[in-house]
Amino acid sequence: MSEALLPLGIDISKTDFHVALLKSAKRSKYEHFSNDTEGFRQLSQWLDQPGVGPVHACLEATSIYGHALALYPHQQGHQVSIVNPLRVKGYSKSQLSRTKSDRADAKLIAQFCRDLKPAPWQPSAVEVSQLQGYTRRLDALEHMLTEEKNRLQVTPQDFEADIVAHIQFLQGQVETVKKRLREHIQAHESLQSQQALLTSIVGVGESTAARVLAEIGSIEHFTSARQLAAFAGLTPQEHTSGTSVQGKTRLCKIGNRRLRKALYFPALTWWRRCPQARAFGERLLAAGKAKMQVIGALMHKLMRVIYGILKSGKPFDPGKLLPRSS
């Protein structure tokens, strides 16, 4: 972050957001706006005031709430970072922060931005943002469909017809979104070619490929396979200290849970059907690893394979990307 950029912390919620601008070590400027297009426009005007910009705006990744807001300062030429909330939480603990309010949270995020200088955020291409809209809508519909099917098993007979009707409606919605998702990918050559690359991996179907592409955005945002694995929360985390603490190594899980969810079942299929993946898994089992640890390691390996395929533009080659000696 350039020294000329003032740190701006943004604490965002469903209905509004608070901002804190650190003018100096002892001077801060505060404001709050509604979390809608009008509020975003007012923020843009506020940032245009003399003595305010340019800024390095920092906000937590909050699912659907943050990205729409982040576009406004980004389009004005300000630097924007979207960070994992757990990083801010860890920073808060290190500062022994006890005050909890929207204004205090915005200032804390600004201080985090000033001290840790998180990497700049780059918005995804329009077609990728639209792809993410389709995949996340599909996830929501399938979740509702599963809930209703489960509810049907225990509901009183008087309500069965209503639930059956709702299930049929949701099934229709799922098929509609799947159709629009396929059409969207077919309409964009880059998405179509990347999906074809990913489906060359044993166990990765079109649906998984679409979800992976939607959550990754652009592979160019990642400089290494390890960085992509960390983004997904698939890096191993040890829990040991001296001789008194000897916990198991497990996945960090500080990352994109949608990516982890998308890779779970493909990793199982990969283990069963890909000889190299099967050999890798068997070696881990023989070394005393628990089954869930092996699955986590396979998900991590699969994420690295995905990185290599998308970076190289070449389809899956088990001999090169997952050698038997891995």
C-alpha atoms as a PDB file:
ATOM      1  CA  MET A   1       0.000   0.000   0.000  1.00  0.00           C
ATOM      2  CA  SER A   2       1.395   3.400  -0.954  1.00  0.00           C
ATOM      3  CA  GLU A   3       2.057   5.777   1.942  1.00  0.00           C
ATOM      4  CA  ALA A   4      -0.231   8.295   0.189  1.00  0.00           C
ATOM      5  CA  LEU A   5      -3.245   6.025   0.639  1.00  0.00           C
ATOM      6  CA  LEU A   6      -5.276   6.610   3.780  1.00  0.00           C
ATOM      7  CA  PRO A   7      -6.688   3.417   5.374  1.00  0.00           C
ATOM      8  CA  LEU A   8     -10.480   3.228   5.276  1.00  0.00           C
ATOM      9  CA  GLY A   9     -12.229   0.538   7.311  1.00  0.00           C
ATOM     10  CA  ILE A  10     -15.733  -0.542   6.281  1.00  0.00           C
ATOM     11  CA  ASP A  11     -17.973  -2.496   8.663  1.00  0.00           C
ATOM     12  CA  ILE A  12     -20.883  -3.802   6.618  1.00  0.00           C
ATOM     13  CA  SER A  13     -24.208  -5.336   7.635  1.00  0.00           C
ATOM     14  CA  LYS A  14     -27.443  -6.240   5.884  1.00  0.00           C
ATOM     15  CA  THR A  15     -29.012  -2.763   6.070  1.00  0.00           C
ATOM     16  CA  ASP A  16     -26.125  -0.297   6.408  1.00  0.00           C
ATOM     17  CA  PHE A  17     -22.376   0.120   6.684  1.00  0.00           C
ATOM     18  CA  HIS A  18     -20.061   2.265   8.795  1.00  0.00           C
ATOM     19  CA  VAL A  19     -16.733   3.671   7.614  1.00  0.00           C
ATOM     20  CA  ALA A  20     -13.711   4.921   9.538  1.00  0.00           C
ATOM     21  CA  LEU A  21     -10.942   6.888   7.828  1.00  0.00           C
ATOM     22  CA  LEU A  22      -7.622   7.086   9.677  1.00  0.00           C
ATOM     23  CA  LYS A  23      -6.329  10.590   8.965  1.00  0.00           C
ATOM     24  CA  SER A  24      -3.415  10.155  11.371  1.00  0.00           C
ATOM     25  CA  ALA A  25      -2.479   8.143  14.451  1.00  0.00           C
ATOM     26  CA  LYS A  26      -4.861  10.234  16.559  1.00  0.00           C
ATOM     27  CA  ARG A  27      -7.395  11.572  14.043  1.00  0.00           C
ATOM     28  CA  SER A  28     -10.191   9.513  12.502  1.00  0.00           C
ATOM     29  CA  LYS A  29     -13.205  10.455  10.418  1.00  0.00           C
ATOM     30  CA  TYR A  30     -16.440   8.467  10.644  1.00  0.00           C
ATOM     31  CA  GLU A  31     -19.611   8.165   8.574  1.00  0.00           C
ATOM     32  CA  HIS A  32     -22.328   5.621   7.899  1.00  0.00           C
ATOM     33  CA  PHE A  33     -24.520   4.902   4.872  1.00  0.00           C
ATOM     34  CA  SER A  34     -27.396   2.654   3.846  1.00  0.00           C
ATOM     35  CA  ASN A  35     -26.390  -0.650   2.266  1.00  0.00           C
ATOM     36  CA  ASP A  36     -27.960  -0.013  -1.120  1.00  0.00           C
ATOM     37  CA  THR A  37     -27.193   1.758  -4.378  1.00  0.00           C
ATOM     38  CA  GLU A  38     -27.973   5.161  -2.885  1.00  0.00           C
ATOM     39  CA  GLY A  39     -25.625   4.491   0.032  1.00  0.00           C
ATOM     40  CA  PHE A  40     -22.880   3.381  -2.361  1.00  0.00           C
ATOM     41  CA  ARG A  41     -23.346   6.608  -4.352  1.00  0.00           C
ATOM     42  CA  GLN A  42     -23.130   8.675  -1.166  1.00  0.00           C
ATOM     43  CA  LEU A  43     -19.918   6.870  -0.198  1.00  0.00           C
ATOM     44  CA  SER A  44     -18.472   7.743  -3.605  1.00  0.00           C
ATOM     45  CA  GLN A  45     -19.340  11.409  -3.062  1.00  0.00           C
ATOM     46  CA  TRP A  46     -17.860  11.305   0.448  1.00  0.00           C
ATOM     47  CA  LEU A  47     -14.605   9.877  -0.904  1.00  0.00           C
ATOM     48  CA  ASP A  48     -14.448  12.702  -3.464  1.00  0.00           C
ATOM     49  CA  GLN A  49     -14.289  15.337  -0.716  1.00  0.00           C
ATOM     50  CA  PRO A  50     -11.021  17.283  -0.330  1.00  0.00           C
ATOM     51  CA  GLY A  51      -8.778  15.697   2.267  1.00  0.00           C
ATOM     52  CA  VAL A  52     -10.404  12.244   2.095  1.00  0.00           C
ATOM     53  CA  GLY A  53      -8.950  10.284  -0.790  1.00  0.00           C
ATOM     54  CA  PRO A  54      -7.169   8.437  -2.204  1.00  0.00           C
ATOM     55  CA  VAL A  55      -7.783   5.551   0.185  1.00  0.00           C
ATOM     56  CA  HIS A  56      -7.041   1.897   0.729  1.00  0.00           C
ATOM     57  CA  ALA A  57     -10.509   0.599   1.580  1.00  0.00           C
ATOM     58  CA  CYS A  58     -10.698  -2.630   3.528  1.00  0.00           C
ATOM     59  CA  LEU A  59     -13.787  -4.701   4.341  1.00  0.00           C
ATOM     60  CA  GLU A  60     -14.496  -8.219   5.494  1.00  0.00           C
ATOM     61  CA  ALA A  61     -15.706 -10.906   3.114  1.00  0.00           C
ATOM     62  CA  THR A  62     -19.397 -11.111   4.002  1.00  0.00           C
ATOM     63  CA  SER A  63     -20.921 -13.240   1.251  1.00  0.00           C
ATOM     64  CA  ILE A  64     -23.404 -11.209  -0.796  1.00  0.00           C
ATOM     65  CA  TYR A  65     -23.077  -7.935   1.098  1.00  0.00           C
ATOM     66  CA  GLY A  66     -19.492  -6.903   0.403  1.00  0.00           C
ATOM     67  CA  HIS A  67     -18.750  -7.290  -3.295  1.00  0.00           C
ATOM     68  CA  ALA A  68     -21.406  -4.893  -4.597  1.00  0.00           C
ATOM     69  CA  LEU A  69     -20.121  -2.194  -2.243  1.00  0.00           C
ATOM     70  CA  ALA A  70     -16.460  -2.896  -3.054  1.00  0.00           C
ATOM     71  CA  LEU A  71     -17.027  -2.116  -6.727  1.00  0.00           C
ATOM     72  CA  TYR A  72     -17.804   1.556  -6.062  1.00  0.00           C
ATOM     73  CA  PRO A  73     -14.481   2.674  -4.535  1.00  0.00           C
ATOM     74  CA  HIS A  74     -12.644   0.323  -6.903  1.00  0.00           C
ATOM     75  CA  GLN A  75     -14.240   1.980  -9.929  1.00  0.00           C
ATOM     76  CA  GLN A  76     -13.239   5.387  -8.523  1.00  0.00           C
ATOM     77  CA  GLY A  77      -9.604   4.306  -8.572  1.00  0.00           C
ATOM     78  CA  HIS A  78      -9.210   3.575  -4.873  1.00  0.00           C
ATOM     79  CA  GLN A  79      -7.405   0.463  -3.676  1.00  0.00           C
ATOM     80  CA  VAL A  80      -9.759  -2.127  -2.176  1.00  0.00           C
ATOM     81  CA  SER A  81      -9.072  -5.252  -0.120  1.00  0.00           C
ATOM     82  CA  ILE A  82     -11.628  -7.889   0.886  1.00  0.00           C
ATOM     83  CA  VAL A  83     -10.280  -9.959   3.766  1.00  0.00           C
ATOM     84  CA  ASN A  84     -11.253 -13.060   5.692  1.00  0.00           C
ATOM     85  CA  PRO A  85     -13.113 -12.025   8.887  1.00  0.00           C
ATOM     86  CA  LEU A  86     -10.968 -14.436  10.902  1.00  0.00           C
ATOM     87  CA  ARG A  87      -7.871 -12.401  10.024  1.00  0.00           C
ATOM     88  CA  VAL A  88      -9.512  -9.286  11.440  1.00  0.00           C
ATOM     89  CA  LYS A  89     -10.642 -11.239  14.497  1.00  0.00           C
ATOM     90  CA  GLY A  90      -7.098 -12.435  15.100  1.00  0.00           C
ATOM     91  CA  TYR A  91      -5.796  -8.889  14.721  1.00  0.00           C
ATOM     92  CA  SER A  92      -8.424  -7.658  17.189  1.00  0.00           C
ATOM     93  CA  LYS A  93      -7.234 -10.184  19.776  1.00  0.00           C
ATOM     94  CA  SER A  94      -3.630  -9.134  19.254  1.00  0.00           C
ATOM     95  CA  GLN A  95      -4.649  -5.533  19.971  1.00  0.00           C
ATOM     96  CA  LEU A  96      -6.595  -6.563  23.104  1.00  0.00           C
ATOM     97  CA  SER A  97      -9.632  -4.799  21.647  1.00  0.00           C
ATOM     98  CA  ARG A  98     -12.699  -4.944  23.903  1.00  0.00           C
ATOM     99  CA  THR A  99     -15.007  -2.262  22.474  1.00  0.00           C
ATOM    100  CA  LYS A 100     -17.744  -3.669  20.231  1.00  0.00           C
ATOM    101  CA  SER A 101     -19.782  -1.278  18.083  1.00  0.00           C
ATOM    102  CA  ASP A 102     -20.197  -0.616  14.363  1.00  0.00           C
ATOM    103  CA  ARG A 103     -18.017   2.487  14.608  1.00  0.00           C
ATOM    104  CA  ALA A 104     -15.335   0.706  16.645  1.00  0.00           C
ATOM    105  CA  ASP A 105     -15.368  -2.253  14.241  1.00  0.00           C
ATOM    106  CA  ALA A 106     -14.881   0.062  11.250  1.00  0.00           C
ATOM    107  CA  LYS A 107     -11.897   1.685  12.979  1.00  0.00           C
ATOM    108  CA  LEU A 108     -10.443  -1.726  13.846  1.00  0.00           C
ATOM    109  CA  ILE A 109     -10.665  -2.784  10.185  1.00  0.00           C
ATOM    110  CA  ALA A 110      -8.959   0.479   9.165  1.00  0.00           C
ATOM    111  CA  GLN A 111      -6.153  -0.209  11.648  1.00  0.00           C
ATOM    112  CA  PHE A 112      -5.858  -3.762  10.301  1.00  0.00           C
ATOM    113  CA  CYS A 113      -5.577  -2.276   6.803  1.00  0.00           C
ATOM    114  CA  ARG A 114      -2.890   0.186   7.917  1.00  0.00           C
ATOM    115  CA  ASP A 115      -0.775  -2.355   9.791  1.00  0.00           C
ATOM    116  CA  LEU A 116      -1.115  -5.520   7.691  1.00  0.00           C
ATOM    117  CA  LYS A 117      -1.552  -3.947   4.227  1.00  0.00           C
ATOM    118  CA  PRO A 118      -3.704  -6.753   2.732  1.00  0.00           C
ATOM    119  CA  ALA A 119      -3.427  -7.531  -0.964  1.00  0.00           C
ATOM    120  CA  PRO A 120      -5.575  -5.528  -3.398  1.00  0.00           C
ATOM    121  CA  TRP A 121      -8.845  -7.067  -4.553  1.00  0.00           C
ATOM    122  CA  GLN A 122      -9.708  -7.345  -8.234  1.00  0.00           C
ATOM    123  CA  PRO A 123     -13.340  -7.831  -9.305  1.00  0.00           C
ATOM    124  CA  SER A 124     -14.177 -10.860 -11.388  1.00  0.00           C
ATOM    125  CA  ALA A 125     -15.153 -10.537 -15.030  1.00  0.00           C
ATOM    126  CA  VAL A 126     -18.866  -9.952 -15.597  1.00  0.00           C
ATOM    127  CA  GLU A 127     -19.437 -13.454 -16.969  1.00  0.00           C
ATOM    128  CA  VAL A 128     -17.757 -14.980 -13.896  1.00  0.00           C
ATOM    129  CA  SER A 129     -19.877 -12.888 -11.525  1.00  0.00           C
ATOM    130  CA  GLN A 130     -22.969 -14.062 -13.395  1.00  0.00           C
ATOM    131  CA  LEU A 131     -21.726 -17.656 -13.217  1.00  0.00           C
ATOM    132  CA  GLN A 132     -21.363 -17.300  -9.458  1.00  0.00           C
ATOM    133  CA  GLY A 133     -24.919 -16.005  -9.275  1.00  0.00           C
ATOM    134  CA  TYR A 134     -26.183 -19.123 -11.051  1.00  0.00           C
ATOM    135  CA  THR A 135     -24.148 -21.612  -8.999  1.00  0.00           C
ATOM    136  CA  ARG A 136     -25.042 -20.035  -5.675  1.00  0.00           C
ATOM    137  CA  ARG A 137     -28.716 -19.871  -6.606  1.00  0.00           C
ATOM    138  CA  LEU A 138     -28.540 -23.541  -7.575  1.00  0.00           C
ATOM    139  CA  ASP A 139     -26.942 -24.373  -4.218  1.00  0.00           C
ATOM    140  CA  ALA A 140     -29.704 -22.513  -2.367  1.00  0.00           C
ATOM    141  CA  LEU A 141     -32.475 -24.272  -4.299  1.00  0.00           C
ATOM    142  CA  GLU A 142     -30.923 -27.713  -3.826  1.00  0.00           C
ATOM    143  CA  HIS A 143     -30.556 -27.031  -0.102  1.00  0.00           C
ATOM    144  CA  MET A 144     -34.234 -26.071   0.160  1.00  0.00           C
ATOM    145  CA  LEU A 145     -35.189 -29.154  -1.860  1.00  0.00           C
ATOM    146  CA  THR A 146     -33.251 -31.440   0.496  1.00  0.00           C
ATOM    147  CA  GLU A 147     -34.882 -29.821   3.531  1.00  0.00           C
ATOM    148  CA  GLU A 148     -38.373 -30.303   2.107  1.00  0.00           C
ATOM    149  CA  LYS A 149     -37.701 -33.940   1.216  1.00  0.00           C
ATOM    150  CA  ASN A 150     -36.499 -34.557   4.763  1.00  0.00           C
ATOM    151  CA  ARG A 151     -39.508 -32.726   6.170  1.00  0.00           C
ATOM    152  CA  LEU A 152     -41.846 -34.892   4.105  1.00  0.00           C
ATOM    153  CA  GLN A 153     -40.656 -37.974   6.011  1.00  0.00           C
ATOM    154  CA  VAL A 154     -41.945 -36.674   9.362  1.00  0.00           C
ATOM    155  CA  THR A 155     -44.752 -34.262   8.492  1.00  0.00           C
ATOM    156  CA  PRO A 156     -48.389 -34.909   9.498  1.00  0.00           C
ATOM    157  CA  GLN A 157     -50.517 -36.246   6.663  1.00  0.00           C
ATOM    158  CA  ASP A 158     -52.535 -33.016   6.512  1.00  0.00           C
ATOM    159  CA  PHE A 159     -49.489 -31.141   5.163  1.00  0.00           C
ATOM    160  CA  GLU A 160     -48.072 -33.765   2.813  1.00  0.00           C
ATOM    161  CA  ALA A 161     -49.796 -32.382  -0.276  1.00  0.00           C
ATOM    162  CA  ASP A 162     -48.410 -28.889   0.372  1.00  0.00           C
ATOM    163  CA  ILE A 163     -44.876 -30.171   0.797  1.00  0.00           C
ATOM    164  CA  VAL A 164     -45.107 -32.413  -2.279  1.00  0.00           C
ATOM    165  CA  ALA A 165     -46.286 -29.424  -4.318  1.00  0.00           C
ATOM    166  CA  HIS A 166     -43.390 -27.338  -3.013  1.00  0.00           C
ATOM    167  CA  ILE A 167     -40.919 -30.119  -3.818  1.00  0.00           C
ATOM    168  CA  GLN A 168     -42.220 -30.271  -7.380  1.00  0.00           C
ATOM    169  CA  PHE A 169     -41.932 -26.489  -7.677  1.00  0.00           C
ATOM    170  CA  LEU A 170     -38.349 -26.526  -6.385  1.00  0.00           C
ATOM    171  CA  GLN A 171     -37.427 -29.368  -8.736  1.00  0.00           C
ATOM    172  CA  GLY A 172     -38.674 -27.258 -11.626  1.00  0.00           C
ATOM    173  CA  GLN A 173     -36.656 -24.278 -10.403  1.00  0.00           C
ATOM    174  CA  VAL A 174     -33.525 -26.420 -10.101  1.00  0.00           C
ATOM    175  CA  GLU A 175     -33.867 -27.636 -13.682  1.00  0.00           C
ATOM    176  CA  THR A 176     -34.479 -24.084 -14.920  1.00  0.00           C
ATOM    177  CA  VAL A 177     -31.349 -22.746 -13.216  1.00  0.00           C
ATOM    178  CA  LYS A 178     -29.282 -25.711 -14.451  1.00  0.00           C
ATOM    179  CA  LYS A 179     -30.434 -24.992 -18.010  1.00  0.00           C
ATOM    180  CA  ARG A 180     -29.591 -21.288 -17.725  1.00  0.00           C
ATOM    181  CA  LEU A 181     -26.234 -22.185 -16.184  1.00  0.00           C
ATOM    182  CA  ARG A 182     -25.364 -24.461 -19.111  1.00  0.00           C
ATOM    183  CA  GLU A 183     -26.461 -21.807 -21.608  1.00  0.00           C
ATOM    184  CA  HIS A 184     -24.372 -19.173 -19.834  1.00  0.00           C
ATOM    185  CA  ILE A 185     -21.224 -21.300 -20.021  1.00  0.00           C
ATOM    186  CA  GLN A 186     -21.872 -22.176 -23.663  1.00  0.00           C
ATOM    187  CA  ALA A 187     -22.227 -18.464 -24.464  1.00  0.00           C
ATOM    188  CA  HIS A 188     -18.721 -17.668 -23.158  1.00  0.00           C
ATOM    189  CA  GLU A 189     -15.808 -19.417 -24.831  1.00  0.00           C
ATOM    190  CA  SER A 190     -13.406 -18.885 -21.911  1.00  0.00           C
ATOM    191  CA  LEU A 191     -15.787 -20.519 -19.430  1.00  0.00           C
ATOM    192  CA  GLN A 192     -16.507 -23.345 -21.851  1.00  0.00           C
ATOM    193  CA  SER A 193     -12.817 -24.110 -22.417  1.00  0.00           C
ATOM    194  CA  GLN A 194     -11.985 -23.957 -18.697  1.00  0.00           C
ATOM    195  CA  GLN A 195     -14.903 -26.235 -17.859  1.00  0.00           C
ATOM    196  CA  ALA A 196     -13.657 -28.717 -20.464  1.00  0.00           C
ATOM    197  CA  LEU A 197     -10.200 -28.659 -18.856  1.00  0.00           C
ATOM    198  CA  LEU A 198     -11.585 -29.299 -15.376  1.00  0.00           C
ATOM    199  CA  THR A 199     -13.879 -32.123 -16.471  1.00  0.00           C
ATOM    200  CA  SER A 200     -10.828 -33.933 -17.860  1.00  0.00           C
ATOM    201  CA  ILE A 201     -10.046 -34.714 -14.194  1.00  0.00           C
ATOM    202  CA  VAL A 202     -11.462 -38.037 -13.050  1.00  0.00           C
ATOM    203  CA  GLY A 203     -14.373 -37.327 -10.692  1.00  0.00           C
ATOM    204  CA  VAL A 204     -14.968 -33.706 -11.724  1.00  0.00           C
ATOM    205  CA  GLY A 205     -18.244 -33.200 -13.578  1.00  0.00           C
ATOM    206  CA  GLU A 206     -19.716 -30.126 -15.224  1.00  0.00           C
ATOM    207  CA  SER A 207     -21.511 -29.019 -12.063  1.00  0.00           C
ATOM    208  CA  THR A 208     -18.360 -29.176  -9.930  1.00  0.00           C
ATOM    209  CA  ALA A 209     -16.340 -27.426 -12.633  1.00  0.00           C
ATOM    210  CA  ALA A 210     -18.875 -24.592 -12.794  1.00  0.00           C
ATOM    211  CA  ARG A 211     -18.780 -24.129  -9.015  1.00  0.00           C
ATOM    212  CA  VAL A 212     -14.979 -24.125  -8.949  1.00  0.00           C
ATOM    213  CA  LEU A 213     -14.748 -21.541 -11.729  1.00  0.00           C
ATOM    214  CA  ALA A 214     -17.395 -19.383 -10.063  1.00  0.00           C
ATOM    215  CA  GLU A 215     -15.575 -19.302  -6.721  1.00  0.00           C
ATOM    216  CA  ILE A 216     -12.012 -18.975  -8.041  1.00  0.00           C
ATOM    217  CA  GLY A 217     -12.819 -16.105 -10.395  1.00  0.00           C
ATOM    218  CA  SER A 218      -9.613 -15.818 -12.417  1.00  0.00           C
ATOM    219  CA  ILE A 219      -6.728 -18.207 -11.912  1.00  0.00           C
ATOM    220  CA  GLU A 220      -4.439 -15.245 -12.643  1.00  0.00           C
ATOM    221  CA  HIS A 221      -5.337 -13.859  -9.198  1.00  0.00           C
ATOM    222  CA  PHE A 222      -3.257 -16.685  -7.695  1.00  0.00           C
ATOM    223  CA  THR A 223       0.517 -16.907  -7.932  1.00  0.00           C
ATOM    224  CA  SER A 224       0.893 -20.497  -6.741  1.00  0.00           C
ATOM    225  CA  ALA A 225      -1.023 -23.706  -6.137  1.00  0.00           C
ATOM    226  CA  ARG A 226      -0.436 -23.267  -2.408  1.00  0.00           C
ATOM    227  CA  GLN A 227      -2.059 -19.836  -2.499  1.00  0.00           C
ATOM    228  CA  LEU A 228      -5.134 -21.289  -4.199  1.00  0.00           C
ATOM    229  CA  ALA A 229      -5.285 -24.139  -1.668  1.00  0.00           C
ATOM    230  CA  ALA A 230      -5.070 -21.593   1.160  1.00  0.00           C
ATOM    231  CA  PHE A 231      -7.878 -19.569  -0.444  1.00  0.00           C
ATOM    232  CA  ALA A 232     -10.036 -22.691  -0.292  1.00  0.00           C
ATOM    233  CA  GLY A 233      -9.020 -23.465   3.297  1.00  0.00           C
ATOM    234  CA  LEU A 234      -7.319 -26.687   2.242  1.00  0.00           C
ATOM    235  CA  THR A 235      -3.866 -26.190   3.738  1.00  0.00           C
ATOM    236  CA  PRO A 236      -2.830 -28.569   6.547  1.00  0.00           C
ATOM    237  CA  GLN A 237      -2.697 -27.140  10.056  1.00  0.00           C
ATOM    238  CA  GLU A 238      -0.660 -28.798  12.796  1.00  0.00           C
ATOM    239  CA  HIS A 239      -1.710 -28.722  16.449  1.00  0.00           C
ATOM    240  CA  THR A 240       1.418 -29.664  18.371  1.00  0.00           C
ATOM    241  CA  SER A 241       3.512 -28.008  21.060  1.00  0.00           C
ATOM    242  CA  GLY A 242       6.468 -29.706  22.720  1.00  0.00           C
ATOM    243  CA  THR A 243       5.500 -33.029  24.238  1.00  0.00           C
ATOM    244  CA  SER A 244       2.286 -31.977  25.967  1.00  0.00           C
ATOM    245  CA  VAL A 245       0.170 -31.112  22.920  1.00  0.00           C
ATOM    246  CA  GLN A 246       0.125 -33.717  20.161  1.00  0.00           C
ATOM    247  CA  GLY A 247      -3.021 -33.070  18.155  1.00  0.00           C
ATOM    248  CA  LYS A 248      -3.775 -34.365  14.686  1.00  0.00           C
ATOM    249  CA  THR A 249      -2.913 -32.427  11.544  1.00  0.00           C
ATOM    250  CA  ARG A 250      -6.136 -31.152  10.004  1.00  0.00           C
ATOM    251  CA  LEU A 251      -7.369 -28.735   7.358  1.00  0.00           C
ATOM    252  CA  CYS A 252      -7.105 -25.074   8.260  1.00  0.00           C
ATOM    253  CA  LYS A 253     -10.644 -24.309   6.950  1.00  0.00           C
ATOM    254  CA  ILE A 254      -9.995 -20.564   7.009  1.00  0.00           C
ATOM    255  CA  GLY A 255     -11.097 -20.012   3.443  1.00  0.00           C
ATOM    256  CA  ASN A 256     -13.838 -20.472   0.881  1.00  0.00           C
ATOM    257  CA  ARG A 257     -16.170 -23.136   2.287  1.00  0.00           C
ATOM    258  CA  ARG A 258     -18.060 -23.360  -1.029  1.00  0.00           C
ATOM    259  CA  LEU A 259     -14.886 -24.537  -2.758  1.00  0.00           C
ATOM    260  CA  ARG A 260     -14.255 -27.128  -0.059  1.00  0.00           C
ATOM    261  CA  LYS A 261     -17.822 -28.382  -0.328  1.00  0.00           C
ATOM    262  CA  ALA A 262     -17.570 -28.551  -4.126  1.00  0.00           C
ATOM    263  CA  LEU A 263     -14.442 -30.727  -3.953  1.00  0.00           C
ATOM    264  CA  TYR A 264     -15.470 -33.204  -1.248  1.00  0.00           C
ATOM    265  CA  PHE A 265     -17.370 -35.779  -3.320  1.00  0.00           C
ATOM    266  CA  PRO A 266     -15.141 -35.376  -6.413  1.00  0.00           C
ATOM    267  CA  ALA A 267     -12.148 -36.174  -4.172  1.00  0.00           C
ATOM    268  CA  LEU A 268     -13.859 -39.398  -3.061  1.00  0.00           C
ATOM    269  CA  THR A 269     -14.546 -40.365  -6.671  1.00  0.00           C
ATOM    270  CA  TRP A 270     -10.988 -39.444  -7.597  1.00  0.00           C
ATOM    271  CA  TRP A 271      -9.707 -41.732  -4.852  1.00  0.00           C
ATOM    272  CA  ARG A 272     -11.773 -44.658  -6.128  1.00  0.00           C
ATOM    273  CA  ARG A 273     -11.265 -44.251  -9.865  1.00  0.00           C
ATOM    274  CA  CYS A 274      -7.844 -42.653 -10.417  1.00  0.00           C
ATOM    275  CA  PRO A 275      -4.986 -45.164  -9.860  1.00  0.00           C
ATOM    276  CA  GLN A 276      -2.502 -42.439  -8.861  1.00  0.00           C
ATOM    277  CA  ALA A 277      -4.926 -40.860  -6.399  1.00  0.00           C
ATOM    278  CA  ARG A 278      -5.785 -44.287  -5.014  1.00  0.00           C
ATOM    279  CA  ALA A 279      -2.091 -45.080  -4.483  1.00  0.00           C
ATOM    280  CA  PHE A 280      -1.594 -41.704  -2.790  1.00  0.00           C
ATOM    281  CA  GLY A 281      -4.517 -42.343  -0.448  1.00  0.00           C
ATOM    282  CA  GLU A 282      -3.400 -45.873   0.383  1.00  0.00           C
ATOM    283  CA  ARG A 283       0.079 -44.642   1.314  1.00  0.00           C
ATOM    284  CA  LEU A 284      -1.439 -42.140   3.736  1.00  0.00           C
ATOM    285  CA  LEU A 285      -3.639 -44.820   5.296  1.00  0.00           C
ATOM    286  CA  ALA A 286      -0.627 -47.100   5.661  1.00  0.00           C
ATOM    287  CA  ALA A 287       1.191 -44.246   7.412  1.00  0.00           C
ATOM    288  CA  GLY A 288      -1.544 -44.176  10.043  1.00  0.00           C
ATOM    289  CA  LYS A 289      -3.626 -41.270   8.767  1.00  0.00           C
ATOM    290  CA  ALA A 290      -7.352 -41.300   9.532  1.00  0.00           C
ATOM    291  CA  LYS A 291      -9.786 -41.564   6.620  1.00  0.00           C
ATOM    292  CA  MET A 292     -10.931 -37.934   6.961  1.00  0.00           C
ATOM    293  CA  GLN A 293      -7.302 -36.794   6.949  1.00  0.00           C
ATOM    294  CA  VAL A 294      -6.764 -38.725   3.727  1.00  0.00           C
ATOM    295  CA  ILE A 295      -9.843 -37.143   2.144  1.00  0.00           C
ATOM    296  CA  GLY A 296      -8.577 -33.712   3.190  1.00  0.00           C
ATOM    297  CA  ALA A 297      -5.176 -34.447   1.654  1.00  0.00           C
ATOM    298  CA  LEU A 298      -6.854 -35.589  -1.572  1.00  0.00           C
ATOM    299  CA  MET A 299      -8.943 -32.404  -1.692  1.00  0.00           C
ATOM    300  CA  HIS A 300      -5.737 -30.400  -1.228  1.00  0.00           C
ATOM    301  CA  LYS A 301      -4.016 -32.382  -3.982  1.00  0.00           C
ATOM    302  CA  LEU A 302      -7.041 -31.977  -6.259  1.00  0.00           C
ATOM    303  CA  MET A 303      -6.990 -28.209  -5.723  1.00  0.00           C
ATOM    304  CA  ARG A 304      -3.334 -28.163  -6.757  1.00  0.00           C
ATOM    305  CA  VAL A 305      -4.145 -30.196  -9.858  1.00  0.00           C
ATOM    306  CA  ILE A 306      -6.902 -27.716 -10.742  1.00  0.00           C
ATOM    307  CA  TYR A 307      -4.398 -24.874 -10.433  1.00  0.00           C
ATOM    308  CA  GLY A 308      -1.927 -26.619 -12.719  1.00  0.00           C
ATOM    309  CA  ILE A 309      -4.553 -27.390 -15.348  1.00  0.00           C
ATOM    310  CA  LEU A 310      -6.001 -23.878 -15.463  1.00  0.00           C
ATOM    311  CA  LYS A 311      -2.547 -22.253 -15.477  1.00  0.00           C
ATOM    312  CA  SER A 312      -1.163 -24.493 -18.215  1.00  0.00           C
ATOM    313  CA  GLY A 313      -4.327 -24.749 -20.287  1.00  0.00           C
ATOM    314  CA  LYS A 314      -3.686 -28.474 -20.693  1.00  0.00           C
ATOM    315  CA  PRO A 315      -6.049 -31.326 -19.704  1.00  0.00           C
ATOM    316  CA  PHE A 316      -5.453 -33.652 -16.774  1.00  0.00           C
ATOM    317  CA  ASP A 317      -2.452 -35.945 -17.157  1.00  0.00           C
ATOM    318  CA  PRO A 318      -2.124 -38.228 -14.091  1.00  0.00           C
ATOM    319  CA  GLY A 319       1.472 -39.047 -14.935  1.00  0.00           C
ATOM    320  CA  LYS A 320       2.573 -35.403 -14.857  1.00  0.00           C
ATOM    321  CA  LEU A 321       0.283 -33.751 -12.349  1.00  0.00           C
ATOM    322  CA  LEU A 322       0.011 -36.586  -9.830  1.00  0.00           C
ATOM    323  CA  PRO A 323       2.995 -38.913 -10.193  1.00  0.00           C
ATOM    324  CA  ARG A 324       2.879 -42.205  -8.351  1.00  0.00           C
ATOM    325  CA  SER A 325       5.683 -41.066  -6.079  1.00  0.00           C
ATOM    326  CA  SER A 326       3.746 -37.990  -4.847  1.00  0.00           C
END
